[in-house]
Amino acid sequence: LRKLKERYGLSDDLARQIVRDVRLDLFERLAERY
C-alpha cells in the first residue's frame, strides 16, 4: 500500500482499492509502461 502511494501518486483510498483487486499485477505493469 505504501509503495503504491509513493510510486504512482495514488490516494490512500484508491491504493486500498487497487491492492485488493484481482488484477493488481496488471495495474502495476500498465502503470510502469504507460
Full PDB file with SEQRES, HELIX, SHEET, SSBOND, CRYST1, ORIGX, SCALE, CONECT and MASTER records, all heavy atoms in Angstrom:
SEQRES   1 A   34  LEU ARG LYS LEU LYS GLU ARG TYR GLY LEU SER ASP ASP          
SEQRES   2 A   34  LEU ALA ARG GLN ILE VAL ARG ASP VAL ARG LEU ASP LEU          
SEQRES   3 A   34  PHE GLU ARG LEU ALA GLU ARG TYR                              
HELIX    1 AA1 ARG A    2  TYR A    8  1                                   7    
HELIX    2 AA2 ASP A   12  VAL A   19  1                                   8    
HELIX    3 AA3 LEU A   24  ARG A   33  1                                  10    
CRYST1    1.000    1.000    1.000  90.00  90.00  90.00 P 1           1          
ORIGX1      1.000000  0.000000  0.000000        0.00000                         
ORIGX2      0.000000  1.000000  0.000000        0.00000                         
ORIGX3      0.000000  0.000000  1.000000        0.00000                         
SCALE1      1.000000  0.000000  0.000000        0.00000                         
SCALE2      0.000000  1.000000  0.000000        0.00000                         
SCALE3      0.000000  0.000000  1.000000        0.00000                         
ATOM      1  N   LEU A   1       0.836  -1.203   0.000  1.00  0.00           N  
ATOM      2  CA  LEU A   1       0.000   0.000   0.000  1.00  0.00           C  
ATOM      3  C   LEU A   1       0.872   1.255   0.000  1.00  0.00           C  
ATOM      4  O   LEU A   1       0.638   2.206  -0.756  1.00  0.00           O  
ATOM      5  CB  LEU A   1      -0.911  -0.026   1.231  1.00  0.00           C  
ATOM      6  CG  LEU A   1      -2.071   0.965   1.267  1.00  0.00           C  
ATOM      7  CD1 LEU A   1      -3.107   0.611   0.214  1.00  0.00           C  
ATOM      8  CD2 LEU A   1      -2.717   0.961   2.653  1.00  0.00           C  
ATOM      9  N   ARG A   2       1.901   1.244   0.845  1.00  0.00           N  
ATOM     10  CA  ARG A   2       2.801   2.401   0.924  1.00  0.00           C  
ATOM     11  C   ARG A   2       3.507   2.632  -0.410  1.00  0.00           C  
ATOM     12  O   ARG A   2       3.603   3.768  -0.895  1.00  0.00           O  
ATOM     13  CB  ARG A   2       3.834   2.172   2.032  1.00  0.00           C  
ATOM     14  CG  ARG A   2       4.813   3.321   2.231  1.00  0.00           C  
ATOM     15  CD  ARG A   2       5.891   2.963   3.233  1.00  0.00           C  
ATOM     16  NE  ARG A   2       6.750   1.891   2.748  1.00  0.00           N  
ATOM     17  CZ  ARG A   2       7.750   2.077   1.866  1.00  0.00           C  
ATOM     18  NH1 ARG A   2       7.993   3.287   1.370  1.00  0.00           N  
ATOM     19  NH2 ARG A   2       8.493   1.060   1.495  1.00  0.00           N  
ATOM     20  N   LYS A   3       3.971   1.557  -1.049  1.00  0.00           N  
ATOM     21  CA  LYS A   3       4.688   1.690  -2.318  1.00  0.00           C  
ATOM     22  C   LYS A   3       3.779   2.197  -3.438  1.00  0.00           C  
ATOM     23  O   LYS A   3       4.210   2.978  -4.294  1.00  0.00           O  
ATOM     24  CB  LYS A   3       5.311   0.351  -2.703  1.00  0.00           C  
ATOM     25  CG  LYS A   3       6.503  -0.035  -1.833  1.00  0.00           C  
ATOM     26  CD  LYS A   3       7.178  -1.295  -2.346  1.00  0.00           C  
ATOM     27  CE  LYS A   3       8.410  -1.631  -1.517  1.00  0.00           C  
ATOM     28  NZ  LYS A   3       9.085  -2.867  -1.998  1.00  0.00           N  
ATOM     29  N   LEU A   4       2.546   1.737  -3.453  1.00  0.00           N  
ATOM     30  CA  LEU A   4       1.613   2.187  -4.489  1.00  0.00           C  
ATOM     31  C   LEU A   4       1.375   3.693  -4.387  1.00  0.00           C  
ATOM     32  O   LEU A   4       1.308   4.401  -5.403  1.00  0.00           O  
ATOM     33  CB  LEU A   4       0.272   1.448  -4.361  1.00  0.00           C  
ATOM     34  CG  LEU A   4       0.259  -0.027  -4.785  1.00  0.00           C  
ATOM     35  CD1 LEU A   4      -1.087  -0.661  -4.450  1.00  0.00           C  
ATOM     36  CD2 LEU A   4       0.529  -0.161  -6.282  1.00  0.00           C  
ATOM     37  N   LYS A   5       1.250   4.179  -3.173  1.00  0.00           N  
ATOM     38  CA  LYS A   5       1.009   5.618  -2.979  1.00  0.00           C  
ATOM     39  C   LYS A   5       2.247   6.432  -3.347  1.00  0.00           C  
ATOM     40  O   LYS A   5       2.141   7.487  -3.983  1.00  0.00           O  
ATOM     41  CB  LYS A   5       0.588   5.888  -1.525  1.00  0.00           C  
ATOM     42  CG  LYS A   5      -0.801   5.346  -1.202  1.00  0.00           C  
ATOM     43  CD  LYS A   5      -1.329   5.834   0.127  1.00  0.00           C  
ATOM     44  CE  LYS A   5      -0.607   5.198   1.291  1.00  0.00           C  
ATOM     45  NZ  LYS A   5      -1.234   5.546   2.593  1.00  0.00           N  
ATOM     46  N   GLU A   6       3.416   5.941  -2.952  1.00  0.00           N  
ATOM     47  CA  GLU A   6       4.649   6.685  -3.217  1.00  0.00           C  
ATOM     48  C   GLU A   6       5.049   6.636  -4.692  1.00  0.00           C  
ATOM     49  O   GLU A   6       5.398   7.650  -5.285  1.00  0.00           O  
ATOM     50  CB  GLU A   6       5.786   6.131  -2.358  1.00  0.00           C  
ATOM     51  CG  GLU A   6       5.653   6.449  -0.883  1.00  0.00           C  
ATOM     52  CD  GLU A   6       6.815   5.898  -0.076  1.00  0.00           C  
ATOM     53  OE1 GLU A   6       7.714   5.253  -0.692  1.00  0.00           O  
ATOM     54  OE2 GLU A   6       6.846   6.099   1.158  1.00  0.00           O  
ATOM     55  N   ARG A   7       4.986   5.457  -5.295  1.00  0.00           N  
ATOM     56  CA  ARG A   7       5.481   5.276  -6.660  1.00  0.00           C  
ATOM     57  C   ARG A   7       4.546   5.855  -7.709  1.00  0.00           C  
ATOM     58  O   ARG A   7       4.981   6.440  -8.703  1.00  0.00           O  
ATOM     59  CB  ARG A   7       5.699   3.783  -6.937  1.00  0.00           C  
ATOM     60  CG  ARG A   7       6.382   3.506  -8.281  1.00  0.00           C  
ATOM     61  CD  ARG A   7       6.683   2.027  -8.422  1.00  0.00           C  
ATOM     62  NE  ARG A   7       7.454   1.745  -9.613  1.00  0.00           N  
ATOM     63  CZ  ARG A   7       8.769   1.854  -9.720  1.00  0.00           C  
ATOM     64  NH1 ARG A   7       9.479   2.246  -8.665  1.00  0.00           N  
ATOM     65  NH2 ARG A   7       9.393   1.572 -10.848  1.00  0.00           N  
ATOM     66  N   TYR A   8       3.221   5.692  -7.481  1.00  0.00           N  
ATOM     67  CA  TYR A   8       2.262   6.083  -8.515  1.00  0.00           C  
ATOM     68  C   TYR A   8       1.390   7.270  -8.126  1.00  0.00           C  
ATOM     69  O   TYR A   8       0.518   7.682  -8.893  1.00  0.00           O  
ATOM     70  CB  TYR A   8       1.365   4.890  -8.871  1.00  0.00           C  
ATOM     71  CG  TYR A   8       2.148   3.676  -9.306  1.00  0.00           C  
ATOM     72  CD1 TYR A   8       2.134   2.506  -8.560  1.00  0.00           C  
ATOM     73  CD2 TYR A   8       2.925   3.703 -10.469  1.00  0.00           C  
ATOM     74  CE1 TYR A   8       2.858   1.389  -8.954  1.00  0.00           C  
ATOM     75  CE2 TYR A   8       3.662   2.598 -10.867  1.00  0.00           C  
ATOM     76  CZ  TYR A   8       3.620   1.446 -10.100  1.00  0.00           C  
ATOM     77  OH  TYR A   8       4.351   0.347 -10.495  1.00  0.00           O  
ATOM     78  N   GLY A   9       1.621   7.820  -6.941  1.00  0.00           N  
ATOM     79  CA  GLY A   9       0.867   9.003  -6.528  1.00  0.00           C  
ATOM     80  C   GLY A   9      -0.608   8.739  -6.304  1.00  0.00           C  
ATOM     81  O   GLY A   9      -1.443   9.642  -6.474  1.00  0.00           O  
ATOM     82  N   LEU A  10      -0.962   7.509  -5.940  1.00  0.00           N  
ATOM     83  CA  LEU A  10      -2.365   7.187  -5.708  1.00  0.00           C  
ATOM     84  C   LEU A  10      -2.819   7.696  -4.347  1.00  0.00           C  
ATOM     85  O   LEU A  10      -2.040   7.750  -3.393  1.00  0.00           O  
ATOM     86  CB  LEU A  10      -2.580   5.673  -5.768  1.00  0.00           C  
ATOM     87  CG  LEU A  10      -2.153   4.940  -7.045  1.00  0.00           C  
ATOM     88  CD1 LEU A  10      -2.533   3.459  -6.946  1.00  0.00           C  
ATOM     89  CD2 LEU A  10      -2.773   5.565  -8.276  1.00  0.00           C  
ATOM     90  N   SER A  11      -4.086   8.084  -4.263  1.00  0.00           N  
ATOM     91  CA  SER A  11      -4.650   8.453  -2.969  1.00  0.00           C  
ATOM     92  C   SER A  11      -4.731   7.214  -2.092  1.00  0.00           C  
ATOM     93  O   SER A  11      -4.666   6.072  -2.582  1.00  0.00           O  
ATOM     94  CB  SER A  11      -6.050   9.038  -3.148  1.00  0.00           C  
ATOM     95  OG  SER A  11      -6.950   8.039  -3.615  1.00  0.00           O  
ATOM     96  N   ASP A  12      -4.900   7.424  -0.785  1.00  0.00           N  
ATOM     97  CA  ASP A  12      -4.976   6.292   0.133  1.00  0.00           C  
ATOM     98  C   ASP A  12      -6.153   5.386  -0.223  1.00  0.00           C  
ATOM     99  O   ASP A  12      -6.022   4.157  -0.242  1.00  0.00           O  
ATOM    100  CB  ASP A  12      -5.122   6.793   1.575  1.00  0.00           C  
ATOM    101  CG  ASP A  12      -5.111   5.646   2.581  1.00  0.00           C  
ATOM    102  OD1 ASP A  12      -4.047   5.046   2.781  1.00  0.00           O  
ATOM    103  OD2 ASP A  12      -6.178   5.352   3.148  1.00  0.00           O  
ATOM    104  N   ASP A  13      -7.303   6.000  -0.534  1.00  0.00           N  
ATOM    105  CA  ASP A  13      -8.497   5.213  -0.852  1.00  0.00           C  
ATOM    106  C   ASP A  13      -8.301   4.405  -2.130  1.00  0.00           C  
ATOM    107  O   ASP A  13      -8.644   3.216  -2.191  1.00  0.00           O  
ATOM    108  CB  ASP A  13      -9.710   6.137  -0.996  1.00  0.00           C  
ATOM    109  CG  ASP A  13     -10.985   5.365  -1.292  1.00  0.00           C  
ATOM    110  OD1 ASP A  13     -11.365   4.513  -0.488  1.00  0.00           O  
ATOM    111  OD2 ASP A  13     -11.591   5.629  -2.354  1.00  0.00           O  
ATOM    112  N   LEU A  14      -7.741   5.047  -3.170  1.00  0.00           N  
ATOM    113  CA  LEU A  14      -7.542   4.356  -4.441  1.00  0.00           C  
ATOM    114  C   LEU A  14      -6.506   3.238  -4.302  1.00  0.00           C  
ATOM    115  O   LEU A  14      -6.661   2.156  -4.878  1.00  0.00           O  
ATOM    116  CB  LEU A  14      -7.104   5.357  -5.519  1.00  0.00           C  
ATOM    117  CG  LEU A  14      -7.074   4.849  -6.965  1.00  0.00           C  
ATOM    118  CD1 LEU A  14      -8.421   4.269  -7.357  1.00  0.00           C  
ATOM    119  CD2 LEU A  14      -6.676   5.978  -7.907  1.00  0.00           C  
ATOM    120  N   ALA A  15      -5.454   3.491  -3.526  1.00  0.00           N  
ATOM    121  CA  ALA A  15      -4.426   2.468  -3.304  1.00  0.00           C  
ATOM    122  C   ALA A  15      -5.017   1.261  -2.576  1.00  0.00           C  
ATOM    123  O   ALA A  15      -4.708   0.109  -2.905  1.00  0.00           O  
ATOM    124  CB  ALA A  15      -3.267   3.050  -2.498  1.00  0.00           C  
ATOM    125  N   ARG A  16      -5.882   1.505  -1.588  1.00  0.00           N  
ATOM    126  CA  ARG A  16      -6.513   0.402  -0.858  1.00  0.00           C  
ATOM    127  C   ARG A  16      -7.416  -0.424  -1.771  1.00  0.00           C  
ATOM    128  O   ARG A  16      -7.501  -1.646  -1.653  1.00  0.00           O  
ATOM    129  CB  ARG A  16      -7.327   0.939   0.328  1.00  0.00           C  
ATOM    130  CG  ARG A  16      -6.465   1.438   1.473  1.00  0.00           C  
ATOM    131  CD  ARG A  16      -7.297   1.937   2.637  1.00  0.00           C  
ATOM    132  NE  ARG A  16      -6.448   2.459   3.694  1.00  0.00           N  
ATOM    133  CZ  ARG A  16      -5.856   1.703   4.611  1.00  0.00           C  
ATOM    134  NH1 ARG A  16      -6.045   0.390   4.597  1.00  0.00           N  
ATOM    135  NH2 ARG A  16      -5.082   2.237   5.524  1.00  0.00           N  
ATOM    136  N   GLN A  17      -8.098   0.259  -2.687  1.00  0.00           N  
ATOM    137  CA  GLN A  17      -8.971  -0.464  -3.618  1.00  0.00           C  
ATOM    138  C   GLN A  17      -8.166  -1.320  -4.592  1.00  0.00           C  
ATOM    139  O   GLN A  17      -8.501  -2.478  -4.842  1.00  0.00           O  
ATOM    140  CB  GLN A  17      -9.845   0.524  -4.396  1.00  0.00           C  
ATOM    141  CG  GLN A  17     -10.919   1.203  -3.566  1.00  0.00           C  
ATOM    142  CD  GLN A  17     -11.813   2.068  -4.439  1.00  0.00           C  
ATOM    143  OE1 GLN A  17     -12.466   1.582  -5.355  1.00  0.00           O  
ATOM    144  NE2 GLN A  17     -11.832   3.356  -4.166  1.00  0.00           N  
ATOM    145  N   ILE A  18      -7.105  -0.749  -5.153  1.00  0.00           N  
ATOM    146  CA  ILE A  18      -6.355  -1.478  -6.178  1.00  0.00           C  
ATOM    147  C   ILE A  18      -5.548  -2.619  -5.569  1.00  0.00           C  
ATOM    148  O   ILE A  18      -5.335  -3.656  -6.217  1.00  0.00           O  
ATOM    149  CB  ILE A  18      -5.438  -0.526  -6.999  1.00  0.00           C  
ATOM    150  CG1 ILE A  18      -4.996  -1.211  -8.308  1.00  0.00           C  
ATOM    151  CG2 ILE A  18      -4.244  -0.083  -6.200  1.00  0.00           C  
ATOM    152  CD1 ILE A  18      -6.111  -1.511  -9.263  1.00  0.00           C  
ATOM    153  N   VAL A  19      -5.119  -2.480  -4.320  1.00  0.00           N  
ATOM    154  CA  VAL A  19      -4.338  -3.561  -3.704  1.00  0.00           C  
ATOM    155  C   VAL A  19      -5.223  -4.774  -3.420  1.00  0.00           C  
ATOM    156  O   VAL A  19      -4.728  -5.895  -3.265  1.00  0.00           O  
ATOM    157  CB  VAL A  19      -3.644  -3.066  -2.408  1.00  0.00           C  
ATOM    158  CG1 VAL A  19      -4.577  -3.125  -1.210  1.00  0.00           C  
ATOM    159  CG2 VAL A  19      -2.376  -3.877  -2.130  1.00  0.00           C  
ATOM    160  N   ARG A  20      -6.540  -4.555  -3.388  1.00  0.00           N  
ATOM    161  CA  ARG A  20      -7.483  -5.657  -3.186  1.00  0.00           C  
ATOM    162  C   ARG A  20      -7.980  -6.237  -4.505  1.00  0.00           C  
ATOM    163  O   ARG A  20      -8.701  -7.227  -4.511  1.00  0.00           O  
ATOM    164  CB  ARG A  20      -8.690  -5.180  -2.366  1.00  0.00           C  
ATOM    165  CG  ARG A  20      -8.359  -4.826  -0.928  1.00  0.00           C  
ATOM    166  CD  ARG A  20      -9.604  -4.361  -0.199  1.00  0.00           C  
ATOM    167  NE  ARG A  20      -9.351  -4.168   1.227  1.00  0.00           N  
ATOM    168  CZ  ARG A  20     -10.271  -3.847   2.126  1.00  0.00           C  
ATOM    169  NH1 ARG A  20     -11.528  -3.689   1.732  1.00  0.00           N  
ATOM    170  NH2 ARG A  20      -9.967  -3.689   3.392  1.00  0.00           N  
ATOM    171  N   ASP A  21      -7.636  -5.600  -5.605  1.00  0.00           N  
ATOM    172  CA  ASP A  21      -8.169  -6.019  -6.893  1.00  0.00           C  
ATOM    173  C   ASP A  21      -7.415  -7.237  -7.421  1.00  0.00           C  
ATOM    174  O   ASP A  21      -6.192  -7.339  -7.271  1.00  0.00           O  
ATOM    175  CB  ASP A  21      -8.079  -4.869  -7.905  1.00  0.00           C  
ATOM    176  CG  ASP A  21      -8.960  -5.091  -9.109  1.00  0.00           C  
ATOM    177  OD1 ASP A  21      -8.527  -5.812 -10.031  1.00  0.00           O  
ATOM    178  OD2 ASP A  21     -10.075  -4.567  -9.128  1.00  0.00           O  
ATOM    179  N   VAL A  22      -8.149  -8.146  -8.075  1.00  0.00           N  
ATOM    180  CA  VAL A  22      -7.514  -9.364  -8.597  1.00  0.00           C  
ATOM    181  C   VAL A  22      -6.521  -9.057  -9.709  1.00  0.00           C  
ATOM    182  O   VAL A  22      -5.650  -9.871 -10.014  1.00  0.00           O  
ATOM    183  CB  VAL A  22      -8.569 -10.361  -9.117  1.00  0.00           C  
ATOM    184  CG1 VAL A  22      -9.452 -10.836  -7.986  1.00  0.00           C  
ATOM    185  CG2 VAL A  22      -9.414  -9.756 -10.229  1.00  0.00           C  
ATOM    186  N   ARG A  23      -6.629  -7.871 -10.329  1.00  0.00           N  
ATOM    187  CA  ARG A  23      -5.720  -7.518 -11.420  1.00  0.00           C  
ATOM    188  C   ARG A  23      -4.651  -6.518 -10.957  1.00  0.00           C  
ATOM    189  O   ARG A  23      -4.160  -5.715 -11.745  1.00  0.00           O  
ATOM    190  CB  ARG A  23      -6.513  -6.923 -12.587  1.00  0.00           C  
ATOM    191  CG  ARG A  23      -7.338  -7.965 -13.366  1.00  0.00           C  
ATOM    192  CD  ARG A  23      -7.976  -7.318 -14.575  1.00  0.00           C  
ATOM    193  NE  ARG A  23      -8.469  -8.297 -15.525  1.00  0.00           N  
ATOM    194  CZ  ARG A  23      -9.759  -8.524 -15.779  1.00  0.00           C  
ATOM    195  NH1 ARG A  23     -10.677  -7.842 -15.109  1.00  0.00           N  
ATOM    196  NH2 ARG A  23     -10.136  -9.407 -16.675  1.00  0.00           N  
ATOM    197  N   LEU A  24      -4.263  -6.596  -9.694  1.00  0.00           N  
ATOM    198  CA  LEU A  24      -3.231  -5.704  -9.163  1.00  0.00           C  
ATOM    199  C   LEU A  24      -1.953  -5.785  -9.988  1.00  0.00           C  
ATOM    200  O   LEU A  24      -1.343  -4.757 -10.313  1.00  0.00           O  
ATOM    201  CB  LEU A  24      -2.939  -6.059  -7.700  1.00  0.00           C  
ATOM    202  CG  LEU A  24      -1.716  -5.383  -7.067  1.00  0.00           C  
ATOM    203  CD1 LEU A  24      -1.894  -3.870  -7.030  1.00  0.00           C  
ATOM    204  CD2 LEU A  24      -1.467  -5.937  -5.664  1.00  0.00           C  
ATOM    205  N   ASP A  25      -1.541  -7.009 -10.346  1.00  0.00           N  
ATOM    206  CA  ASP A  25      -0.297  -7.159 -11.102  1.00  0.00           C  
ATOM    207  C   ASP A  25      -0.400  -6.498 -12.477  1.00  0.00           C  
ATOM    208  O   ASP A  25       0.560  -5.903 -12.972  1.00  0.00           O  
ATOM    209  CB  ASP A  25       0.063  -8.637 -11.252  1.00  0.00           C  
ATOM    210  CG  ASP A  25      -1.040  -9.442 -11.932  1.00  0.00           C  
ATOM    211  OD1 ASP A  25      -2.222  -9.085 -11.794  1.00  0.00           O  
ATOM    212  OD2 ASP A  25      -0.722 -10.443 -12.597  1.00  0.00           O  
ATOM    213  N   LEU A  26      -1.576  -6.568 -13.100  1.00  0.00           N  
ATOM    214  CA  LEU A  26      -1.774  -5.924 -14.400  1.00  0.00           C  
ATOM    215  C   LEU A  26      -1.721  -4.407 -14.258  1.00  0.00           C  
ATOM    216  O   LEU A  26      -1.122  -3.722 -15.093  1.00  0.00           O  
ATOM    217  CB  LEU A  26      -3.113  -6.351 -15.006  1.00  0.00           C  
ATOM    218  CG  LEU A  26      -3.475  -5.717 -16.357  1.00  0.00           C  
ATOM    219  CD1 LEU A  26      -2.418  -6.016 -17.411  1.00  0.00           C  
ATOM    220  CD2 LEU A  26      -4.849  -6.198 -16.816  1.00  0.00           C  
ATOM    221  N   PHE A  27      -2.339  -3.873 -13.200  1.00  0.00           N  
ATOM    222  CA  PHE A  27      -2.263  -2.428 -12.977  1.00  0.00           C  
ATOM    223  C   PHE A  27      -0.820  -1.969 -12.898  1.00  0.00           C  
ATOM    224  O   PHE A  27      -0.422  -0.981 -13.533  1.00  0.00           O  
ATOM    225  CB  PHE A  27      -2.993  -2.026 -11.690  1.00  0.00           C  
ATOM    226  CG  PHE A  27      -2.532  -0.687 -11.166  1.00  0.00           C  
ATOM    227  CD1 PHE A  27      -2.919   0.486 -11.794  1.00  0.00           C  
ATOM    228  CD2 PHE A  27      -1.655  -0.603 -10.088  1.00  0.00           C  
ATOM    229  CE1 PHE A  27      -2.455   1.721 -11.349  1.00  0.00           C  
ATOM    230  CE2 PHE A  27      -1.193   0.617  -9.641  1.00  0.00           C  
ATOM    231  CZ  PHE A  27      -1.591   1.789 -10.273  1.00  0.00           C  
ATOM    232  N   GLU A  28       0.002  -2.671 -12.119  1.00  0.00           N  
ATOM    233  CA  GLU A  28       1.398  -2.252 -11.956  1.00  0.00           C  
ATOM    234  C   GLU A  28       2.145  -2.301 -13.281  1.00  0.00           C  
ATOM    235  O   GLU A  28       2.957  -1.420 -13.577  1.00  0.00           O  
ATOM    236  CB  GLU A  28       2.086  -3.135 -10.910  1.00  0.00           C  
ATOM    237  CG  GLU A  28       1.577  -2.906  -9.500  1.00  0.00           C  
ATOM    238  CD  GLU A  28       2.429  -3.596  -8.461  1.00  0.00           C  
ATOM    239  OE1 GLU A  28       2.209  -4.799  -8.209  1.00  0.00           O  
ATOM    240  OE2 GLU A  28       3.323  -2.941  -7.899  1.00  0.00           O  
ATOM    241  N   ARG A  29       1.877  -3.325 -14.078  1.00  0.00           N  
ATOM    242  CA  ARG A  29       2.540  -3.436 -15.377  1.00  0.00           C  
ATOM    243  C   ARG A  29       2.144  -2.281 -16.298  1.00  0.00           C  
ATOM    244  O   ARG A  29       2.998  -1.676 -16.954  1.00  0.00           O  
ATOM    245  CB  ARG A  29       2.182  -4.780 -16.022  1.00  0.00           C  
ATOM    246  CG  ARG A  29       3.004  -5.069 -17.267  1.00  0.00           C  
ATOM    247  CD  ARG A  29       2.902  -6.518 -17.676  1.00  0.00           C  
ATOM    248  NE  ARG A  29       1.646  -6.828 -18.338  1.00  0.00           N  
ATOM    249  CZ  ARG A  29       0.787  -7.739 -17.939  1.00  0.00           C  
ATOM    250  NH1 ARG A  29       1.035  -8.436 -16.843  1.00  0.00           N  
ATOM    251  NH2 ARG A  29      -0.319  -7.971 -18.612  1.00  0.00           N  
ATOM    252  N   LEU A  30       0.855  -1.954 -16.326  1.00  0.00           N  
ATOM    253  CA  LEU A  30       0.382  -0.869 -17.192  1.00  0.00           C  
ATOM    254  C   LEU A  30       0.862   0.487 -16.696  1.00  0.00           C  
ATOM    255  O   LEU A  30       1.198   1.371 -17.501  1.00  0.00           O  
ATOM    256  CB  LEU A  30      -1.147  -0.896 -17.262  1.00  0.00           C  
ATOM    257  CG  LEU A  30      -1.778  -2.161 -17.868  1.00  0.00           C  
ATOM    258  CD1 LEU A  30      -3.294  -2.034 -17.902  1.00  0.00           C  
ATOM    259  CD2 LEU A  30      -1.232  -2.425 -19.261  1.00  0.00           C  
ATOM    260  N   ALA A  31       0.890   0.668 -15.375  1.00  0.00           N  
ATOM    261  CA  ALA A  31       1.356   1.940 -14.822  1.00  0.00           C  
ATOM    262  C   ALA A  31       2.828   2.177 -15.144  1.00  0.00           C  
ATOM    263  O   ALA A  31       3.247   3.308 -15.404  1.00  0.00           O  
ATOM    264  CB  ALA A  31       1.128   1.970 -13.309  1.00  0.00           C  
ATOM    265  N   GLU A  32       3.621   1.105 -15.154  1.00  0.00           N  
ATOM    266  CA  GLU A  32       5.037   1.220 -15.493  1.00  0.00           C  
ATOM    267  C   GLU A  32       5.220   1.568 -16.973  1.00  0.00           C  
ATOM    268  O   GLU A  32       6.060   2.388 -17.332  1.00  0.00           O  
ATOM    269  CB  GLU A  32       5.766  -0.085 -15.175  1.00  0.00           C  
ATOM    270  CG  GLU A  32       5.989  -0.336 -13.691  1.00  0.00           C  
ATOM    271  CD  GLU A  32       6.906   0.703 -13.070  1.00  0.00           C  
ATOM    272  OE1 GLU A  32       7.936   1.035 -13.691  1.00  0.00           O  
ATOM    273  OE2 GLU A  32       6.583   1.196 -11.981  1.00  0.00           O  
ATOM    274  N   ARG A  33       4.430   0.921 -17.836  1.00  0.00           N  
ATOM    275  CA  ARG A  33       4.611   1.106 -19.276  1.00  0.00           C  
ATOM    276  C   ARG A  33       4.012   2.401 -19.802  1.00  0.00           C  
ATOM    277  O   ARG A  33       4.554   3.012 -20.724  1.00  0.00           O  
ATOM    278  CB  ARG A  33       3.988  -0.081 -20.024  1.00  0.00           C  
ATOM    279  CG  ARG A  33       4.725  -1.393 -19.839  1.00  0.00           C  
ATOM    280  CD  ARG A  33       4.050  -2.519 -20.619  1.00  0.00           C  
ATOM    281  NE  ARG A  33       4.735  -3.793 -20.399  1.00  0.00           N  
ATOM    282  CZ  ARG A  33       4.329  -4.952 -20.881  1.00  0.00           C  
ATOM    283  NH1 ARG A  33       3.214  -5.007 -21.600  1.00  0.00           N  
ATOM    284  NH2 ARG A  33       5.002  -6.070 -20.647  1.00  0.00           N  
ATOM    285  N   TYR A  34       2.866   2.802 -19.253  1.00  0.00           N  
ATOM    286  CA  TYR A  34       2.128   3.915 -19.864  1.00  0.00           C  
ATOM    287  C   TYR A  34       1.892   5.078 -18.909  1.00  0.00           C  
ATOM    288  O   TYR A  34       1.206   6.041 -19.266  1.00  0.00           O  
ATOM    289  CB  TYR A  34       0.773   3.409 -20.385  1.00  0.00           C  
ATOM    290  CG  TYR A  34       0.891   2.219 -21.297  1.00  0.00           C  
ATOM    291  CD1 TYR A  34       0.564   0.935 -20.855  1.00  0.00           C  
ATOM    292  CD2 TYR A  34       1.350   2.366 -22.609  1.00  0.00           C  
ATOM    293  CE1 TYR A  34       0.688  -0.168 -21.684  1.00  0.00           C  
ATOM    294  CE2 TYR A  34       1.471   1.264 -23.449  1.00  0.00           C  
ATOM    295  CZ  TYR A  34       1.141  -0.004 -22.978  1.00  0.00           C  
ATOM    296  OH  TYR A  34       1.266  -1.084 -23.809  1.00  0.00           O  
TER     297      TYR A  34                                                      
MASTER        0    0    0    3    0    0    0    6  296    1    0    3          
END                                                                             
